[in-house]
Protein backbone atom coordinates (compact mmCIF):
# COMPACT_ATOMS: atom_id res chain seq x y z
CA MET A 1 -0.03 -0.05 0.24
CA ARG A 2 2.90 2.77 0.98
CA LEU A 3 4.64 1.43 -2.46
CA LEU A 4 1.22 2.44 -4.36
CA LEU A 5 0.60 5.71 -2.42
CA GLU A 6 4.08 6.74 -3.32
CA LYS A 7 3.35 6.12 -7.10
CA ILE A 8 0.43 8.16 -6.94
CA ARG A 9 2.19 10.94 -4.97
CA LEU A 10 5.02 10.96 -7.96
CA THR A 11 2.72 10.74 -10.80
CA ILE A 12 0.57 13.86 -9.35
CA LEU A 13 3.89 15.80 -8.83
CA LYS A 14 5.18 15.01 -12.39
CA ARG A 15 2.11 15.99 -14.15
CA THR A 16 1.86 19.43 -12.18
CA LYS A 17 5.78 20.12 -12.46
CA ALA A 18 6.20 20.58 -8.89
CA LEU A 19 9.35 18.91 -8.48
CA PRO A 20 12.28 21.08 -8.37
CA GLN A 21 14.52 20.57 -11.38
CA LYS A 22 18.26 19.90 -11.55
CA SER A 23 20.67 21.13 -14.56
CA TYR A 24 23.91 20.46 -16.07
CA ALA A 25 24.91 23.88 -14.80
CA ALA A 26 24.51 23.04 -10.99
CA TRP A 27 25.97 19.42 -11.58
CA ALA A 28 29.35 21.02 -13.27
CA ALA A 29 29.58 23.66 -10.49
CA LYS A 30 30.12 20.80 -7.98
CA GLY A 31 33.73 20.45 -9.34
CA TYR A 32 33.94 16.84 -9.72
CA ASN A 33 37.45 15.70 -10.15
CA ASP A 34 37.99 12.25 -11.99
CA GLN A 35 41.69 12.07 -11.84
CA PRO A 36 42.79 13.25 -8.12
CA GLU A 37 46.47 12.95 -7.10
CA VAL A 38 45.19 11.28 -3.58
CA SER A 39 42.62 8.96 -2.72
CA ILE A 40 41.80 9.30 0.84
CA VAL A 41 40.13 6.21 2.51
CA ILE A 42 39.04 5.95 6.01
CA GLN A 43 37.78 2.63 7.51
CA SER A 44 35.37 3.27 10.49
CA HIS A 45 32.92 1.82 12.87
CA ASP A 46 30.82 3.86 15.27
CA LYS A 47 33.24 6.20 15.07
CA SER A 48 31.59 9.43 12.97
CA LEU A 49 32.41 11.91 15.21
CA GLN A 50 36.24 11.35 15.10
CA VAL A 51 35.68 11.03 11.36
CA CYS A 52 34.05 14.40 11.17
CA HIS A 53 36.41 16.09 13.32
CA ILE A 54 39.40 15.25 10.67
CA LEU A 55 37.41 16.05 7.33
CA PRO A 56 37.94 19.86 7.58
CA LYS A 57 41.92 19.05 7.73
CA LEU A 58 41.76 16.44 5.02
CA ARG A 59 39.86 19.03 2.62
CA GLN A 60 43.10 21.24 2.97
CA LYS A 61 44.48 18.81 0.37
CA LYS A 62 42.74 20.30 -2.74
CA ASP A 63 43.68 17.67 -5.49
CA ALA A 64 42.07 14.63 -3.58
CA GLU A 65 39.07 12.58 -2.86
CA ILE A 66 37.74 11.09 0.14
CA ILE A 67 36.08 7.85 0.75
CA VAL A 68 34.76 6.78 4.23
CA ILE A 69 34.04 3.32 4.86
CA ASP A 70 31.11 3.08 7.17
CA ASP A 71 31.41 -0.60 8.47
CA GLY A 72 28.42 -1.88 10.11
CA SER A 73 28.11 1.16 12.19
CA SER A 74 24.62 2.25 13.87
CA ALA A 75 21.95 4.31 12.16
CA GLU A 76 22.98 7.46 14.09
CA HIS A 77 26.87 7.32 12.73
CA THR A 78 25.54 6.35 9.35
CA ARG A 79 23.39 9.49 9.06
CA ARG A 80 26.31 11.82 10.85
CA LEU A 81 28.86 10.69 7.91
CA ALA A 82 26.02 10.99 5.21
CA LYS A 83 25.43 14.69 6.22
CA ALA A 84 28.85 15.89 6.58
CA LEU A 85 30.21 14.17 3.33
CA THR A 86 29.12 17.18 1.10
CA GLY A 87 31.80 17.64 -1.66
CA ALA A 88 31.47 16.02 -5.12
CA ASN A 89 34.62 14.03 -4.29
CA GLU A 90 33.61 12.74 -0.96
CA PHE A 91 31.85 9.06 -0.65
CA LEU A 92 30.42 6.99 1.76
CA LEU A 93 30.82 3.44 1.19
CA ARG A 94 28.33 1.37 3.30
CA ALA A 95 29.27 -2.36 4.45
CA ASN A 96 27.92 -4.71 7.21
CA ASP A 97 30.49 -5.66 9.46
CA LEU A 98 33.20 -6.93 6.53
CA TYR A 99 36.16 -5.26 8.38
CA GLU A 100 39.44 -3.97 6.98
CA ASN A 101 40.54 -6.64 4.38
CA ARG A 102 37.54 -6.71 2.43
CA THR A 103 36.32 -3.15 2.90
CA TYR A 104 39.88 -1.62 2.11
CA ASP A 105 40.26 -3.64 -1.24
CA ARG A 106 36.96 -2.80 -2.40
CA ALA A 107 37.68 1.01 -1.45
CA ILE A 108 41.18 0.60 -3.37
CA ARG A 109 39.15 -0.18 -6.66
CA MET A 110 36.55 2.27 -6.41
CA SER A 111 39.18 5.28 -5.72
CA HIS A 112 40.70 7.25 -8.61
CA GLY A 113 43.84 8.84 -7.17
CA ARG A 114 47.26 8.16 -8.35
CA TYR A 115 48.02 7.56 -4.60
CA ILE A 116 45.96 5.83 -2.09
CA VAL A 117 46.27 6.53 1.72
CA LEU A 118 44.56 4.03 3.96
CA LEU A 119 43.66 5.75 7.20
CA GLN A 120 41.61 4.36 10.63
CA ASP A 121 38.76 6.08 12.79
CA ASP A 122 41.38 7.19 15.04
CA ASP A 123 43.92 9.09 13.40
CA ASP A 124 44.37 12.46 14.15
CA PHE A 125 47.09 14.94 12.88
CA ASP A 126 47.61 19.02 12.68
CA ASP A 127 47.87 19.72 9.14
CA VAL A 128 48.43 17.78 5.75
CA SER A 129 52.06 18.69 5.60
CA TRP A 130 52.44 14.61 6.00
CA MET A 131 50.60 14.41 2.61
CA ASP A 132 53.06 16.43 1.05
CA GLU A 133 56.13 14.59 2.56
CA ALA A 134 54.86 11.23 1.30
CA LEU A 135 54.55 12.39 -2.09
CA LEU A 136 57.94 14.10 -2.58
CA LEU A 137 59.17 10.71 -1.15
CA PHE A 138 57.31 8.70 -3.72
CA SER A 139 58.53 11.13 -6.59
CA GLN A 140 62.46 10.17 -4.81
CA HIS A 141 61.74 6.32 -5.01
CA PRO A 142 60.15 5.50 -7.95
CA ARG A 143 59.89 1.49 -6.96
CA MET A 144 58.32 2.27 -3.80
CA ALA A 145 54.98 0.57 -3.76
CA ILE A 146 53.90 0.82 -0.12
CA LEU A 147 54.91 3.75 2.23
CA GLY A 148 53.95 3.53 6.16
CA GLY A 149 53.49 6.42 8.57
CA ASN A 150 52.71 4.81 11.61
CA TRP A 151 55.19 1.84 12.70
CA GLY A 152 57.65 0.42 10.56
CA LEU A 153 58.01 -3.00 11.50
CA ARG A 154 60.41 -6.32 11.80
CA LEU A 155 58.81 -9.17 11.37
CA GLU A 156 59.62 -12.18 13.74
CA PHE A 157 59.04 -15.87 13.18
CA ASP A 158 58.86 -18.12 16.02
CA ASP A 159 59.45 -21.72 15.03
CA ALA A 160 57.94 -23.24 18.14
CA ARG A 161 54.62 -21.45 17.56
CA GLN A 162 54.80 -21.50 13.87
CA TRP A 163 53.37 -18.23 13.38
CA GLY A 164 54.54 -14.57 13.07
CA HIS A 165 54.14 -11.46 14.37
CA GLY A 166 55.15 -7.66 13.76
CA MET A 167 57.16 -5.99 16.56
CA ARG A 168 57.99 -2.15 16.32
CA ASP A 169 61.18 -1.11 15.38
CA ASP A 170 62.44 1.52 17.59
CA THR A 171 65.53 2.01 16.15
CA LEU A 172 63.67 4.41 13.83
CA GLN A 173 63.88 8.07 14.49
CA SER A 174 61.35 10.64 13.94
CA GLY A 175 61.93 12.79 10.95
CA THR A 176 63.86 10.19 9.45
CA PHE A 177 63.04 7.79 5.88
CA ARG A 178 64.12 4.24 5.79
CA PHE A 179 63.38 1.20 3.75
CA VAL A 180 61.68 -1.65 6.26
CA PRO A 181 60.34 -4.86 5.81
CA SER A 182 56.66 -4.00 6.41
CA VAL A 183 54.66 -1.23 7.91
CA ASN A 184 51.36 -0.75 9.86
CA ARG A 185 48.33 1.41 9.41
CA ALA A 186 47.72 3.89 9.30
CA PRO A 187 48.67 5.99 7.49
CA MET A 188 49.47 3.39 4.79
CA TRP A 189 50.29 4.74 1.51
CA ILE A 190 49.78 2.60 -1.73
CA ARG A 191 51.17 3.53 -4.99
CA ARG A 192 48.31 2.62 -7.14
CA ASP A 193 49.88 1.96 -10.79
CA LEU A 194 52.14 -0.33 -8.90
CA PHE A 195 49.69 -1.92 -6.86
CA ASP A 196 47.54 -2.59 -10.09
CA GLN A 197 50.72 -3.93 -12.07
CA HIS A 198 52.08 -6.29 -9.35
CA LEU A 199 49.89 -6.52 -6.25
CA HIS A 200 46.90 -6.54 -7.48
CA GLN A 201 44.75 -7.06 -3.94
CA ILE A 202 44.92 -7.33 -0.20
CA ASP A 203 45.16 -10.94 -0.10
CA PRO A 204 41.35 -12.42 0.97
CA ALA A 205 42.99 -15.14 2.53
CA PHE A 206 43.80 -13.07 5.62
CA ALA A 207 39.91 -11.80 5.43
CA PRO A 208 38.39 -10.50 7.81
CA PHE A 209 41.55 -8.80 9.36
CA GLN A 210 44.82 -9.01 10.84
CA TYR A 211 48.22 -9.36 9.34
CA ASP A 212 46.99 -8.65 5.90
CA ASP A 213 48.95 -5.45 5.85
CA ASP A 214 52.30 -7.34 6.54
CA GLU A 215 51.48 -9.78 3.69
CA LEU A 216 51.01 -7.03 1.26
CA CYS A 217 54.29 -5.73 1.95
CA LEU A 218 56.20 -9.16 2.02
CA ARG A 219 54.69 -9.58 -1.12
CA ALA A 220 55.93 -6.25 -2.39
CA TRP A 221 59.46 -7.12 -1.82
CA LEU A 222 59.34 -10.35 -3.61
CA CYS A 223 57.73 -8.69 -6.59
CA GLY A 224 60.73 -6.32 -7.05
CA LEU A 225 59.03 -3.36 -4.98
CA GLU A 226 60.08 -1.49 -1.97
CA VAL A 227 58.46 -0.63 1.07
CA GLY A 228 59.41 2.70 3.18
CA TRP A 229 58.59 4.01 6.13
CA TYR A 230 58.51 8.14 7.62
CA ASP A 231 57.23 9.67 10.50
CA ALA A 232 53.79 10.98 9.72
CA ARG A 233 53.28 12.66 13.23
CA PHE A 234 49.82 10.99 13.90
CA ARG A 235 48.12 10.72 17.38
CA SER A 236 45.06 8.82 18.06
CA LEU A 237 41.94 10.54 19.14
CA SER A 238 40.73 7.58 21.18
CA ALA A 239 41.10 4.00 20.93
CA GLY A 240 40.40 2.47 17.55
CA GLY A 241 37.25 0.58 16.55
CA MET A 242 39.22 -2.68 16.02
CA ARG A 243 40.48 -2.65 19.88
CA LEU A 244 37.30 -1.59 21.33
CA TRP A 245 34.93 -4.20 19.88
CA ASN A 246 37.04 -6.92 18.79
CA LYS A 247 39.20 -8.03 21.78
CA GLY A 248 39.03 -11.48 21.82
CA PHE A 249 38.16 -11.44 18.01
CA THR A 250 41.80 -10.01 17.21
CA GLY A 251 43.69 -12.67 19.58
CA GLU A 252 41.95 -15.31 17.56
CA GLN A 253 42.95 -13.73 14.02
CA SER A 254 46.06 -13.13 15.51
CA GLN A 255 46.72 -16.62 15.82
CA ARG A 256 45.14 -17.82 12.41
CA ASN A 257 46.67 -15.15 10.51
CA GLY A 258 50.14 -15.37 12.16
CA ARG A 259 50.15 -19.01 11.03
CA ARG A 260 49.38 -18.17 7.54
CA LEU A 261 52.08 -15.46 7.27
CA TYR A 262 54.56 -17.83 8.98
CA GLN A 263 53.83 -20.56 6.40
CA MET A 264 53.70 -18.24 3.43
CA TYR A 265 57.05 -15.90 3.93
CA ALA A 266 59.27 -17.69 7.04
CA HIS A 267 61.08 -19.32 4.64
CA ARG A 268 62.04 -16.36 2.57
CA MET A 269 62.88 -13.74 5.14
CA ASP A 270 66.45 -13.71 4.71
CA GLU A 271 65.96 -12.97 1.14
CA ILE A 272 63.57 -9.86 2.17
CA LEU A 273 65.80 -8.59 4.88
CA THR A 274 68.41 -8.70 2.07
CA LYS A 275 66.44 -6.61 -0.47
CA VAL A 276 65.57 -4.24 2.35
CA ARG A 277 69.41 -4.02 3.24
CA GLU A 278 70.30 -3.21 -0.23
CA ALA A 279 67.37 -0.61 -1.01
CA ASN A 280 68.71 1.33 2.42
CA GLY A 281 72.42 1.24 0.83
């Protein structure tokens, strides 16, 4: 019945021409950019206030698009994000608790930027100078496919437990750049052309989350690419959604995907570490 009433209402509006009409001029005035330099992708679950806090800062980067992944949030948060994302190059990608592995991969395919930067819903920063620094580093290192601005990681594989885990490399100094075996989100930059040519996807075997960022980095080195780290000077707004709602699940996934990472790469870590040393000169 509701559908029938709506059909009647729209028919009347059409015949009376009471509907406000849109135009090409209005569309063109929005200023959509089909080839932005940077695609900013934010993964969020019930953290809309935090995302809205950084949106004005992200808009300082003019040649960019913003894609917010709303992954299983309550209606309040979805409505707030939909209201806040007002720009022609601002998009809301709704998912239903699919987690980082699948949602980031989908968002990468949707993005049009030459460079993609993956963010999370607890990230904060003062301005977009960290973006300018990253783009400069990419121009200086043409084989660098991935650049992290949070942790540079050294991966350790324990034969007794048969699994791997990333440990923060505390030898890395603020203000420096180094090649590293792996980086931790976020921010995690991806150079789109190298990703498409050599890496193709975030490995779905690691779904729904945990260690897929490590796997992508190690795979990049074995494809003849490079992984770098720099200090993006991020700070946390609050505990990330992954830690708040997935404590037990995260431990389970660490065990499962840690073993998977070990089986895939433990036998090639010496080769990868040699490549890292050679890249650092």
